[in-house]
Protein backbone atom coordinates (compact mmCIF):
# COMPACT_ATOMS: atom_id res chain seq x y z
CA MET A 1 0.00 0.00 0.00
CA SER A 2 1.48 3.32 -1.05
CA GLU A 3 1.89 6.18 1.40
CA PRO A 4 -0.51 9.13 1.16
CA THR A 5 0.77 12.26 -0.51
CA HIS A 6 1.45 15.34 1.61
CA SER A 7 1.45 18.97 0.56
CA PHE A 8 4.32 21.43 0.99
CA GLN A 9 3.58 25.03 0.15
CA LEU A 10 5.27 28.40 -0.02
CA GLN A 11 2.53 30.99 0.13
CA ASN A 12 3.50 34.50 -1.03
CA ILE A 13 6.98 34.21 0.48
CA SER A 14 9.30 37.21 0.28
CA ILE A 15 12.97 36.71 1.10
CA GLY A 16 15.86 39.05 1.78
CA TYR A 17 17.79 40.83 4.49
CA GLN A 18 16.90 43.56 7.02
CA ASP A 19 13.53 44.27 5.46
CA THR A 20 15.06 44.62 2.00
CA ALA A 21 13.38 42.08 -0.26
CA LEU A 22 15.55 40.08 -2.64
CA ILE A 23 12.62 38.18 -4.16
CA GLU A 24 8.95 38.80 -3.45
CA ASN A 25 5.72 36.79 -3.52
CA ILE A 26 7.00 33.30 -4.25
CA SER A 27 4.15 30.79 -4.27
CA ILE A 28 4.89 27.12 -4.88
CA SER A 29 2.76 24.06 -4.15
CA LEU A 30 4.29 20.56 -4.11
CA GLN A 31 3.04 17.07 -3.33
CA THR A 32 5.16 14.20 -2.00
CA PRO A 33 7.05 12.49 -3.45
CA CYS A 34 8.80 14.89 -5.80
CA LEU A 35 12.31 15.99 -6.65
CA VAL A 36 12.67 19.69 -7.42
CA GLY A 37 15.67 21.44 -8.95
CA LEU A 38 16.51 25.02 -7.98
CA ILE A 39 18.53 26.85 -10.62
CA GLY A 40 19.78 30.37 -11.27
CA ASN A 41 22.97 32.32 -11.75
CA ASN A 42 25.29 33.17 -8.84
CA GLY A 43 23.82 35.73 -6.45
CA CYS A 44 20.24 35.30 -7.63
CA GLY A 45 18.97 34.16 -4.22
CA LYS A 46 18.97 30.34 -4.34
CA THR A 47 20.76 29.83 -1.02
CA THR A 48 18.76 32.63 0.60
CA LEU A 49 15.56 30.88 -0.45
CA LEU A 50 16.71 27.56 1.00
CA LYS A 51 17.83 29.22 4.23
CA THR A 52 14.45 30.90 4.53
CA ILE A 53 12.54 27.66 3.98
CA SER A 54 14.73 25.88 6.53
CA GLY A 55 14.28 28.58 9.18
CA LEU A 56 17.91 29.68 9.27
CA GLN A 57 16.69 33.02 7.97
CA LYS A 58 13.36 34.71 8.70
CA GLU A 59 10.99 35.22 5.79
CA LEU A 60 10.04 38.86 5.21
CA ALA A 61 6.45 37.91 4.38
CA GLY A 62 4.30 34.88 3.66
CA THR A 63 3.92 31.41 5.15
CA ILE A 64 5.53 28.00 4.75
CA CYS A 65 3.24 25.02 5.33
CA PHE A 66 3.64 21.24 5.44
CA LYS A 67 0.32 19.41 5.48
CA ASP A 68 -1.77 21.40 7.96
CA THR A 69 1.22 22.77 9.89
CA GLU A 70 2.47 26.32 9.43
CA VAL A 71 6.16 25.47 9.61
CA SER A 72 7.23 29.10 9.74
CA LYS A 73 5.71 29.36 13.24
CA LEU A 74 7.47 26.31 14.72
CA ASN A 75 10.49 26.49 17.00
CA ASN A 76 13.83 25.21 15.69
CA LYS A 77 13.53 21.69 17.16
CA GLU A 78 9.99 21.17 15.86
CA ARG A 79 10.95 22.53 12.46
CA SER A 80 14.02 20.29 12.26
CA LYS A 81 11.74 17.25 12.39
CA ILE A 82 10.03 18.42 9.20
CA ILE A 83 12.78 20.14 7.20
CA THR A 84 16.46 19.26 6.76
CA PHE A 85 18.90 21.72 5.22
CA GLY A 86 22.10 20.17 3.94
CA PHE A 87 24.73 22.52 2.56
CA ALA A 88 28.02 22.05 0.75
CA PHE A 89 31.10 21.33 2.81
CA ASN A 90 32.98 24.63 3.15
CA GLY A 91 36.41 23.48 4.31
CA GLY A 92 36.23 24.03 8.07
CA THR A 93 35.61 21.02 10.28
CA PHE A 94 36.50 19.24 13.52
CA PRO A 95 38.37 15.92 13.82
CA ILE A 96 35.35 13.68 14.41
CA SER A 97 34.55 10.39 12.75
CA VAL A 98 32.24 10.02 9.78
CA PHE A 99 29.81 8.14 12.04
CA GLU A 100 29.84 10.97 14.58
CA LEU A 101 29.22 13.57 11.89
CA VAL A 102 26.30 11.66 10.41
CA SER A 103 24.89 11.05 13.91
CA MET A 104 24.34 14.81 14.23
CA GLY A 105 21.39 14.34 11.91
CA ARG A 106 19.61 12.49 14.72
CA TYR A 107 19.98 15.28 17.32
CA PRO A 108 16.40 16.61 16.96
CA TYR A 109 15.11 13.24 18.16
CA LEU A 110 17.47 12.53 21.07
CA ASN A 111 16.64 12.72 24.76
CA ASN A 112 18.20 15.21 27.17
CA MET A 113 21.23 12.95 27.56
CA ALA A 114 21.72 12.98 23.76
CA THR A 115 21.87 9.18 23.80
CA LEU A 116 21.60 7.32 20.52
CA GLN A 117 19.01 4.55 20.54
CA VAL A 118 19.24 1.36 18.48
CA THR A 119 16.92 2.84 15.84
CA ASP A 120 19.08 5.98 15.62
CA THR A 121 22.20 3.89 15.03
CA GLN A 122 20.41 1.89 12.34
CA LEU A 123 19.32 5.04 10.53
CA ILE A 124 22.84 6.49 10.71
CA LEU A 125 24.37 3.33 9.25
CA GLU A 126 21.68 3.19 6.54
CA ALA A 127 22.46 6.78 5.52
CA ILE A 128 26.19 6.03 5.41
CA ASN A 129 25.54 2.95 3.28
CA THR A 130 23.20 4.87 0.99
CA VAL A 131 25.93 7.31 -0.05
CA GLY A 132 28.51 4.53 -0.39
CA ILE A 133 30.99 5.36 2.38
CA ALA A 134 30.44 2.46 4.80
CA HIS A 135 34.17 1.73 4.62
CA LEU A 136 34.88 5.21 6.01
CA LYS A 137 32.50 5.28 8.98
CA ASP A 138 35.28 5.14 11.58
CA LYS A 139 37.64 7.48 9.74
CA LEU A 140 38.15 11.05 10.93
CA ILE A 141 36.54 13.45 8.48
CA THR A 142 39.73 15.52 8.54
CA THR A 143 41.60 12.58 6.98
CA ILE A 144 39.34 11.85 4.02
CA SER A 145 39.02 13.60 0.66
CA ASP A 146 36.73 16.57 0.00
CA GLY A 147 34.48 14.38 -2.13
CA GLU A 148 34.21 11.73 0.59
CA ARG A 149 33.54 14.43 3.17
CA GLN A 150 30.79 15.85 0.97
CA LYS A 151 29.15 12.42 0.89
CA ALA A 152 29.32 12.32 4.70
CA TYR A 153 27.44 15.62 4.90
CA ILE A 154 24.81 14.26 2.51
CA ALA A 155 24.48 11.19 4.75
CA LYS A 156 24.00 13.49 7.76
CA ALA A 157 21.09 15.17 5.97
CA LEU A 158 19.55 11.81 5.05
CA ALA A 159 19.88 10.56 8.63
CA GLN A 160 17.65 13.38 9.85
CA GLN A 161 14.74 11.57 8.18
CA THR A 162 12.50 14.55 7.48
CA PRO A 163 9.71 14.71 4.89
CA VAL A 164 11.25 17.84 3.36
CA LEU A 165 14.91 17.76 2.34
CA LEU A 166 16.78 20.84 1.10
CA LEU A 167 20.25 20.42 -0.40
CA ASP A 168 22.47 23.35 -1.43
CA GLU A 169 25.16 22.41 -3.98
CA PRO A 170 25.36 18.80 -2.70
CA THR A 171 27.49 17.68 -5.65
CA ALA A 172 30.29 20.18 -5.00
CA PHE A 173 33.62 18.28 -4.82
CA LEU A 174 32.11 15.15 -6.41
CA ASP A 175 33.49 13.63 -9.60
CA TYR A 176 31.24 12.88 -12.59
CA THR A 177 30.46 9.29 -11.59
CA SER A 178 29.72 10.28 -8.01
CA LYS A 179 27.40 13.06 -9.22
CA LYS A 180 25.55 10.63 -11.45
CA ASN A 181 25.19 8.13 -8.58
CA PHE A 182 24.12 10.89 -6.19
CA PHE A 183 21.19 12.02 -8.33
CA LYS A 184 20.09 8.42 -8.89
CA THR A 185 20.30 7.71 -5.16
CA ILE A 186 18.53 10.89 -4.07
CA LYS A 187 15.71 10.34 -6.55
CA GLU A 188 15.22 6.80 -5.27
CA ASN A 189 15.33 8.05 -1.66
CA THR A 190 12.74 10.75 -2.42
CA VAL A 191 10.27 8.19 -3.71
CA LYS A 192 11.04 5.53 -1.09
CA GLU A 193 10.73 7.96 1.83
CA ASN A 194 7.82 9.94 0.32
CA LYS A 195 9.71 13.26 0.49
CA VAL A 196 9.82 16.64 -1.10
CA THR A 197 13.47 17.12 -2.04
CA ILE A 198 14.69 20.49 -3.33
CA ILE A 199 18.23 20.63 -4.74
CA SER A 200 20.07 23.82 -5.64
CA SER A 201 22.84 22.96 -8.05
CA HIS A 202 24.92 24.27 -10.95
CA ASP A 203 24.84 20.72 -12.36
CA VAL A 204 21.84 21.66 -14.46
CA ASP A 205 22.25 18.72 -16.84
CA PHE A 206 21.83 16.24 -13.97
CA LEU A 207 18.92 18.22 -12.52
CA THR A 208 17.01 18.29 -15.79
CA ARG A 209 17.43 14.54 -16.18
CA ASN A 210 16.15 13.75 -12.70
CA ALA A 211 13.95 16.55 -11.33
CA ASP A 212 10.17 16.42 -11.61
CA TYR A 213 9.98 20.22 -11.34
CA LEU A 214 12.30 23.19 -11.63
CA ILE A 215 12.33 26.47 -9.72
CA MET A 216 14.22 28.94 -11.91
CA ILE A 217 15.27 32.32 -10.51
CA GLN A 218 16.08 34.78 -13.28
CA ASP A 219 18.53 37.66 -13.08
CA ASP A 220 15.60 40.09 -12.81
CA LYS A 221 14.39 38.02 -9.78
CA LYS A 222 11.39 36.64 -11.63
CA VAL A 223 10.71 33.10 -10.39
CA THR A 224 9.46 30.41 -12.75
CA PHE A 225 8.06 27.19 -11.29
CA ASP A 226 6.83 24.41 -13.54
CA THR A 227 7.51 20.86 -14.63
CA THR A 228 11.05 20.29 -15.82
CA GLU A 229 9.72 19.57 -19.29
CA ASN A 230 8.11 23.01 -19.48
CA VAL A 231 10.91 25.03 -17.89
CA VAL A 232 13.57 23.71 -20.28
CA LYS A 233 11.50 25.02 -23.18
CA THR A 234 11.57 28.63 -21.94
CA ASN A 235 13.70 31.27 -23.60
CA TYR A 236 15.49 32.14 -20.36
CA PHE A 237 16.51 28.52 -19.74
CA ASN A 238 17.76 28.06 -23.29
CA THR A 239 19.71 31.33 -23.16
CA HIS A 240 21.39 30.71 -19.80
CA PHE A 241 21.54 26.96 -19.18
CA ASN A 242 21.30 25.09 -22.47
CA TYR A 243 24.92 24.60 -23.52
């Protein structure tokens, strides 16, 4: 028996900084499961949009809803059980093991003693296996390659087990084969776990092959949201992304 679909909506969202709007009145309605690509040139607001959805940055206007819950009104712990934000590894890190890093994805669910339960450990190991780094689980993340470390951060996001998954440049540092495997894996995970997954990436060719929908932010801040098939036919897409 298939899982019921759930709605995830951005309703007239405006994003920006200190009451200065970067993009205004974004309205998007999604149903699980779906994989969504977020594309646009550098500085257009992709990361700001993801940060706003995740709660790391306050929306200037509008509401964010999952099912019947207004996510934008939840506290950080409650929100982190609905939305995960995974971002690209930026070079700074502590000498902890891959397992310990991925285990951080379970923190929203732990008791006051921050004790991992058997189910938490299982989910951590599953996430590590999913991204193909089981052989590295006991290695310090400071001793592995940038690409391997990026996979560990992706595993951390998967371990959080939320119905909405946001990933910002997750394929940074990955080679071609790893990128191809990542998109295949994340698409399978989206369907299996009945998620809404939104991926911001400059790997537009991989996004267009795998995403059900595209959110395209233009240089003039106009936002286009439609099926991938329709977005790739637009003049803006063909001018800026069709190489």
